[in-house]
Protein backbone atom coordinates (compact mmCIF):
# COMPACT_ATOMS: atom_id res chain seq x y z
CA UNK A 1 -35.93 6.26 19.59
CA UNK A 2 -32.25 6.77 16.45
CA UNK A 3 -32.84 10.70 15.99
CA UNK A 4 -33.21 11.60 19.61
CA UNK A 5 -29.97 12.67 20.64
CA UNK A 6 -28.95 13.88 24.65
CA UNK A 7 -27.67 18.13 24.59
CA UNK A 8 -24.90 18.20 25.97
CA UNK A 9 -23.98 21.34 27.36
CA UNK A 10 -20.44 21.16 28.37
CA UNK A 11 -21.70 24.33 31.42
CA UNK A 12 -24.31 22.25 32.60
CA UNK A 13 -22.19 18.89 32.70
CA UNK A 14 -19.15 20.60 34.05
CA UNK A 15 -16.92 19.45 30.85
CA UNK A 16 -13.59 21.12 31.29
CA UNK A 17 -10.86 22.00 28.63
CA UNK A 18 -7.66 19.65 30.32
CA UNK A 19 -5.72 21.68 27.10
CA UNK A 20 -6.41 25.04 29.20
CA UNK A 21 -5.47 23.32 32.47
CA UNK A 22 -1.63 21.85 31.85
CA UNK A 23 1.17 24.35 31.16
CA UNK A 24 4.27 23.23 29.31
CA UNK A 25 6.40 25.99 30.15
CA UNK A 26 8.75 23.96 31.98
CA UNK A 27 8.56 20.66 29.93
CA UNK A 28 11.84 19.54 28.06
CA UNK A 29 9.71 18.02 25.85
CA UNK A 30 9.95 18.78 21.86
CA UNK A 31 6.68 19.39 20.19
CA UNK A 32 5.96 15.99 17.67
CA UNK A 33 6.09 17.50 14.08
CA UNK A 34 6.30 14.69 10.82
CA UNK A 35 7.47 16.30 7.18
CA UNK A 36 7.81 14.90 3.81
CA UNK A 37 10.97 13.86 4.77
CA UNK A 38 9.63 11.69 7.52
CA UNK A 39 7.10 10.29 5.17
CA UNK A 40 9.06 9.86 1.82
CA UNK A 41 11.32 7.82 4.99
CA UNK A 42 8.26 5.46 6.03
CA UNK A 43 7.03 4.56 2.24
CA UNK A 44 10.44 4.10 1.41
CA UNK A 45 10.87 1.86 4.51
CA UNK A 46 7.13 0.28 3.86
CA UNK A 47 8.00 -0.54 0.35
CA UNK A 48 11.59 -2.40 0.65
CA UNK A 49 10.78 -4.26 4.00
CA UNK A 50 6.86 -5.60 3.74
CA UNK A 51 6.14 -5.21 -0.48
CA UNK A 52 9.82 -6.10 -1.39
CA UNK A 53 8.57 -5.62 -5.25
CA UNK A 54 10.23 -8.61 -7.37
CA UNK A 55 10.15 -9.45 -11.18
CA UNK A 56 11.24 -12.76 -12.71
CA UNK A 57 12.88 -13.15 -16.00
CA UNK A 58 14.20 -16.15 -17.66
CA UNK A 59 12.90 -17.90 -14.55
CA UNK A 60 15.36 -16.09 -12.73
CA UNK A 61 13.57 -13.43 -9.74
CA UNK A 62 15.22 -10.17 -9.56
CA UNK A 63 15.04 -7.59 -7.13
CA UNK A 64 13.25 -4.30 -8.60
CA UNK A 65 15.56 -1.42 -7.04
CA UNK A 66 13.44 1.57 -5.97
CA UNK A 67 14.83 4.93 -6.88
CA UNK A 68 13.57 7.97 -5.15
CA UNK A 69 12.52 10.47 -9.04
CA UNK A 70 10.95 12.99 -9.76
CA UNK A 71 8.63 13.95 -12.56
CA UNK A 72 11.25 15.67 -14.77
CA UNK A 73 13.54 12.61 -13.55
CA UNK A 74 10.55 10.34 -14.70
CA UNK A 75 10.45 11.71 -18.36
CA UNK A 76 14.04 11.24 -18.37
CA UNK A 77 14.51 7.98 -17.79
CA UNK A 78 12.10 7.40 -20.26
CA UNK A 79 13.65 9.58 -22.87
CA UNK A 80 16.84 7.17 -22.81
CA UNK A 81 14.96 3.44 -22.18
CA UNK A 82 13.16 4.77 -25.47
CA UNK A 83 16.50 6.12 -27.23
CA UNK A 84 17.87 2.57 -25.51
CA UNK A 85 15.29 0.84 -27.61
CA UNK A 86 15.92 2.49 -31.19
CA UNK A 87 19.88 1.60 -30.64
CA UNK A 88 19.06 -2.11 -30.52
CA UNK A 89 16.27 -2.31 -32.86
CA UNK A 90 18.65 -0.34 -34.81
CA UNK A 91 21.68 -2.77 -34.25
CA UNK A 92 19.53 -5.64 -34.63
CA UNK A 93 18.44 -5.18 -38.19
C-alpha cells in the first residue's frame, strides 16, 4: 500500500492559492530580507556568546578574540607570524 498515493487535483478539491487572494497594496509592513551582513552578525554572535572559544596556556584560560578577515588578511597574518617566529629563532641563537 506504500505505493498508492491519492491523486490530488486542485481543480477537483477546490484548493485555492491564498497568495492571489491577499493584497499588500495598503500594507505598511516592509518586505523581510536577510543579507550577508545579517548572516555575518549571527555567526559572530554565535561564536562569542555560545561557543566562547578559549585557550589554556601555562595554566591560565585565555579568551580567543574573533576577528573577521578576508583570505588576503589570513595570508598576511600567516606571513607575519612566520616572520615573527623566524625573528624569535634568530634572537634565541
